[in-house]
Amino acid sequence: AMQVLARAMAERGLQEDAMQMLRDRIQELRSFDDKRGQVLLAAAAIDIVLHCGKKDEALAFAEQFLALAEELGDRQEAAWIMQACSKVRLKMDQTDLALNMAQEALATFQELGDKNGELDAKTNLTHIYTARKEPQKAPNRNKALDRLGLLATAISKKEATSFRNAMDLLRECRGVDGQDLGAALGPLLEDPATYKWFTETTAEYFEVSLEEAAELVTSSPPKPLQR
């Protein structure tokens, strides 16, 4: 419950309050030498700290909590913490380390039969491979291409609601690059009316000016998927 409250506070702009709540809880667990409690809190705590933009602190927590999980011999929680650490490394543009940790976490989840962990690891690996400009290696590549197809259909029909939904899904999944976008959307955007609609709808989606939207939709790699 505390993790949910802290995340809600962070999303409402109360990052410092959320961070202090987490620090106080971690200090409380440490004062009781409650290593199990710290390990169980770890993945959510790292996610919230990262969400607050504190990458260095998130990494420090991840390394400390990972050592505790390994000390306790809890391979499943260690894999979740390693996965969280991988996400921090990705945010820090350390894609080699992020990739290695995500692959190790995935292997552990698969060995232990943790389906939720496996799904999360595959999503994380897809983000990593996209950042490395190797989307063809992404575990969720087919899902990403399906979602790109939904986006293309929404644009061809000029359906704003479908566009927003497809963009949300594709940005969540990733797994495509500028070449994919060009192949899927390029022929559609050759039509001036469709290009105008696409630019205006992109501006509305990201809440930016038409000039900024035009720069977004013509960039490579595609900024609409990274923004």
Protein backbone atom coordinates (compact mmCIF):
# COMPACT_ATOMS: atom_id res chain seq x y z
CA ALA A 1 0.00 0.00 0.00
CA MET A 2 2.85 2.37 0.80
CA GLN A 3 4.37 1.80 -2.65
CA VAL A 4 1.04 2.62 -4.32
CA LEU A 5 0.70 5.81 -2.28
CA ALA A 6 4.26 6.89 -3.04
CA ARG A 7 3.76 6.31 -6.78
CA ALA A 8 0.51 8.29 -6.71
CA MET A 9 2.26 11.15 -4.92
CA ALA A 10 5.08 11.14 -7.47
CA GLU A 11 2.63 11.25 -10.37
CA ARG A 12 0.91 14.25 -8.77
CA GLY A 13 4.18 16.16 -8.70
CA LEU A 14 4.98 15.43 -5.04
CA GLN A 15 8.26 13.70 -5.86
CA GLU A 16 10.17 14.90 -2.81
CA ASP A 17 7.37 13.79 -0.48
CA ALA A 18 7.26 10.40 -2.17
CA MET A 19 11.03 10.07 -1.92
CA GLN A 20 11.03 10.97 1.76
CA MET A 21 8.31 8.41 2.46
CA LEU A 22 10.43 5.73 0.83
CA ARG A 23 13.62 6.78 2.61
CA ASP A 24 11.83 6.72 5.97
CA ARG A 25 10.40 3.25 5.30
CA ILE A 26 13.76 1.87 4.19
CA GLN A 27 15.46 3.38 7.25
CA GLU A 28 12.79 1.82 9.47
CA LEU A 29 13.36 -1.63 7.95
CA ARG A 30 17.11 -1.22 8.33
CA SER A 31 16.75 -0.23 11.97
CA PHE A 32 15.06 -3.60 12.61
CA ASP A 33 17.60 -5.38 10.39
CA ASP A 34 14.64 -6.55 8.32
CA LYS A 35 16.43 -7.72 5.21
CA ARG A 36 13.41 -9.60 3.90
CA GLY A 37 11.26 -6.48 4.16
CA GLN A 38 13.83 -4.44 2.28
CA VAL A 39 14.04 -7.03 -0.49
CA LEU A 40 10.26 -7.18 -0.87
CA LEU A 41 10.11 -3.38 -1.06
CA ALA A 42 13.04 -3.13 -3.48
CA ALA A 43 11.60 -3.37 -7.01
CA ALA A 44 8.74 -0.96 -6.31
CA ALA A 45 11.03 1.46 -4.47
CA ILE A 46 13.53 1.53 -7.33
CA ASP A 47 10.73 2.15 -9.82
CA ILE A 48 9.37 5.07 -7.81
CA VAL A 49 12.80 6.62 -7.27
CA LEU A 50 13.50 6.34 -11.00
CA HIS A 51 10.08 7.86 -11.75
CA CYS A 52 11.12 10.82 -9.59
CA GLY A 53 14.16 11.33 -11.82
CA LYS A 54 16.72 10.24 -9.21
CA LYS A 55 18.73 7.87 -11.40
CA ASP A 56 21.86 7.75 -9.23
CA GLU A 57 19.85 7.09 -6.07
CA ALA A 58 17.78 4.45 -7.86
CA LEU A 59 20.96 2.69 -8.97
CA ALA A 60 22.43 2.82 -5.46
CA PHE A 61 19.23 1.30 -4.03
CA ALA A 62 19.22 -1.38 -6.72
CA GLU A 63 22.77 -2.48 -6.01
CA GLN A 64 22.19 -2.54 -2.24
CA PHE A 65 18.92 -4.46 -2.50
CA LEU A 66 20.38 -6.92 -5.02
CA ALA A 67 23.19 -7.77 -2.61
CA LEU A 68 20.60 -8.38 0.13
CA ALA A 69 18.49 -10.65 -2.07
CA GLU A 70 21.54 -12.67 -3.06
CA GLU A 71 22.59 -12.91 0.60
CA LEU A 72 19.14 -14.30 1.44
CA GLY A 73 19.34 -16.73 -1.48
CA ASP A 74 16.08 -15.41 -2.96
CA ARG A 75 16.63 -15.87 -6.69
CA GLN A 76 13.17 -14.69 -7.69
CA GLU A 77 13.35 -11.38 -5.84
CA ALA A 78 16.96 -10.98 -6.99
CA ALA A 79 15.75 -11.31 -10.59
CA TRP A 80 13.08 -8.64 -10.04
CA ILE A 81 15.66 -6.31 -8.52
CA MET A 82 18.08 -7.05 -11.35
CA GLN A 83 15.29 -6.21 -13.77
CA ALA A 84 14.70 -2.90 -11.99
CA CYS A 85 18.43 -2.20 -12.07
CA SER A 86 18.44 -2.90 -15.81
CA LYS A 87 15.75 -0.26 -16.29
CA VAL A 88 17.86 2.25 -14.37
CA ARG A 89 20.88 1.43 -16.53
CA LEU A 90 18.76 1.97 -19.64
CA LYS A 91 17.68 5.40 -18.37
CA MET A 92 21.38 6.17 -17.89
CA ASP A 93 22.07 5.10 -21.52
CA GLN A 94 24.21 2.19 -20.30
CA THR A 95 22.63 -0.21 -22.77
CA ASP A 96 25.30 -2.93 -22.60
CA LEU A 97 24.87 -3.32 -18.85
CA ALA A 98 21.10 -2.98 -19.15
CA LEU A 99 21.00 -5.72 -21.79
CA ASN A 100 23.13 -8.16 -19.80
CA MET A 101 21.07 -7.71 -16.65
CA ALA A 102 17.76 -8.00 -18.49
CA GLN A 103 18.85 -11.20 -20.21
CA GLU A 104 19.97 -12.71 -16.90
CA ALA A 105 16.69 -11.71 -15.23
CA LEU A 106 14.69 -13.23 -18.10
CA ALA A 107 16.60 -16.50 -17.87
CA THR A 108 15.90 -16.71 -14.12
CA PHE A 109 12.20 -15.91 -14.54
CA GLN A 110 11.88 -18.61 -17.19
CA GLU A 111 13.72 -21.14 -15.05
CA LEU A 112 11.51 -20.40 -12.03
CA GLY A 113 8.29 -20.25 -14.04
CA ASP A 114 7.57 -16.63 -13.12
CA LYS A 115 5.30 -15.63 -16.01
CA ASN A 116 4.80 -12.05 -14.81
CA GLY A 117 8.54 -11.62 -14.52
CA GLU A 118 9.04 -13.10 -17.97
CA LEU A 119 6.54 -10.68 -19.53
CA ASP A 120 8.14 -7.72 -17.78
CA ALA A 121 11.62 -8.81 -18.86
CA LYS A 122 10.55 -9.17 -22.49
CA THR A 123 9.04 -5.68 -22.41
CA ASN A 124 12.23 -4.30 -20.91
CA LEU A 125 14.40 -6.12 -23.47
CA THR A 126 12.26 -4.70 -26.26
CA HIS A 127 12.90 -1.18 -24.93
CA ILE A 128 16.62 -1.91 -24.70
CA TYR A 129 16.92 -3.29 -28.21
CA THR A 130 14.95 -0.31 -29.53
CA ALA A 131 17.34 2.08 -27.77
CA ARG A 132 20.27 0.14 -29.28
CA LYS A 133 18.70 0.54 -32.75
CA GLU A 134 18.28 -3.23 -32.98
CA PRO A 135 14.49 -3.56 -32.85
CA GLN A 136 14.59 -6.69 -35.00
CA LYS A 137 16.04 -8.52 -31.97
CA ALA A 138 13.27 -7.39 -29.63
CA PRO A 139 11.17 -10.17 -28.03
CA ASN A 140 8.00 -8.15 -28.60
CA ARG A 141 8.86 -7.27 -32.19
CA ASN A 142 5.73 -8.85 -33.70
CA LYS A 143 3.50 -7.11 -31.15
CA ALA A 144 5.16 -3.79 -32.02
CA LEU A 145 4.61 -4.30 -35.74
CA ASP A 146 0.95 -5.15 -35.10
CA ARG A 147 0.57 -1.92 -33.14
CA LEU A 148 2.30 0.02 -35.90
CA GLY A 149 -0.30 -1.44 -38.23
CA LEU A 150 -3.05 -0.10 -35.96
CA LEU A 151 -1.44 3.33 -36.09
CA ALA A 152 -1.26 3.24 -39.89
CA THR A 153 -4.92 2.26 -40.09
CA ALA A 154 -5.93 5.09 -37.77
CA ILE A 155 -4.00 7.58 -39.90
CA SER A 156 -5.45 6.27 -43.16
CA LYS A 157 -8.97 6.64 -41.74
CA LYS A 158 -8.15 9.91 -39.95
CA GLU A 159 -9.60 8.59 -36.69
CA ALA A 160 -8.20 10.68 -33.84
CA THR A 161 -9.29 8.39 -30.99
CA SER A 162 -7.85 5.32 -32.68
CA PHE A 163 -4.67 7.30 -33.37
CA ARG A 164 -4.25 8.17 -29.70
CA ASN A 165 -4.89 4.60 -28.59
CA ALA A 166 -2.49 3.15 -31.15
CA MET A 167 0.20 5.68 -30.28
CA ASP A 168 -0.16 4.89 -26.57
CA LEU A 169 0.20 1.17 -27.26
CA LEU A 170 3.15 1.57 -29.61
CA ARG A 171 5.06 3.93 -27.31
CA GLU A 172 4.50 1.52 -24.44
CA CYS A 173 5.74 -1.44 -26.47
CA ARG A 174 8.42 0.14 -28.71
CA GLY A 175 10.23 -2.38 -30.90
CA VAL A 176 10.16 -0.35 -34.13
CA ASP A 177 12.51 2.19 -35.70
CA GLY A 178 12.49 4.94 -38.28
CA GLN A 179 12.74 2.48 -41.15
CA ASP A 180 9.64 0.66 -39.91
CA LEU A 181 7.74 3.92 -39.56
CA GLY A 182 8.82 5.05 -42.97
CA ALA A 183 7.66 1.81 -44.57
CA ALA A 184 4.31 1.81 -42.76
CA LEU A 185 3.45 5.50 -42.79
CA GLY A 186 5.48 6.98 -45.66
CA PRO A 187 3.04 6.10 -48.46
CA LEU A 188 0.12 7.48 -46.41
CA LEU A 189 1.88 10.77 -45.70
CA GLU A 190 2.56 11.43 -49.37
CA ASP A 191 -1.04 12.66 -49.49
CA PRO A 192 -0.99 16.34 -48.39
CA ALA A 193 -4.34 16.11 -46.60
CA THR A 194 -3.22 13.04 -44.63
CA TYR A 195 0.13 14.64 -43.77
CA LYS A 196 -1.68 17.77 -42.54
CA TRP A 197 -4.07 15.68 -40.41
CA PHE A 198 -1.20 13.61 -39.02
CA THR A 199 0.82 16.69 -38.06
CA GLU A 200 -2.18 18.38 -36.42
CA THR A 201 -3.15 15.23 -34.53
CA THR A 202 0.43 14.69 -33.39
CA ALA A 203 0.54 18.29 -32.12
CA GLU A 204 -2.66 17.68 -30.16
CA TYR A 205 -1.43 14.34 -28.80
CA PHE A 206 1.86 15.74 -27.49
CA GLU A 207 0.43 19.20 -26.70
CA VAL A 208 3.05 20.98 -28.82
CA SER A 209 2.97 23.54 -31.64
CA LEU A 210 2.47 22.54 -35.27
CA GLU A 211 6.11 23.41 -35.95
CA GLU A 212 7.29 21.11 -33.17
CA ALA A 213 4.93 18.37 -34.35
CA ALA A 214 6.29 18.61 -37.89
CA GLU A 215 9.82 18.18 -36.50
CA LEU A 216 8.68 15.19 -34.46
CA VAL A 217 7.03 13.33 -37.33
CA THR A 218 9.92 13.83 -39.75
CA SER A 219 12.74 12.96 -37.32
CA SER A 220 14.87 9.83 -37.42
CA PRO A 221 14.91 7.97 -35.10
CA PRO A 222 11.20 8.66 -34.63
CA LYS A 223 10.79 11.04 -31.72
CA PRO A 224 7.06 10.34 -31.26
CA LEU A 225 8.02 6.93 -29.87
CA GLN A 226 10.61 8.33 -27.45
CA ARG A 227 9.04 11.55 -26.21
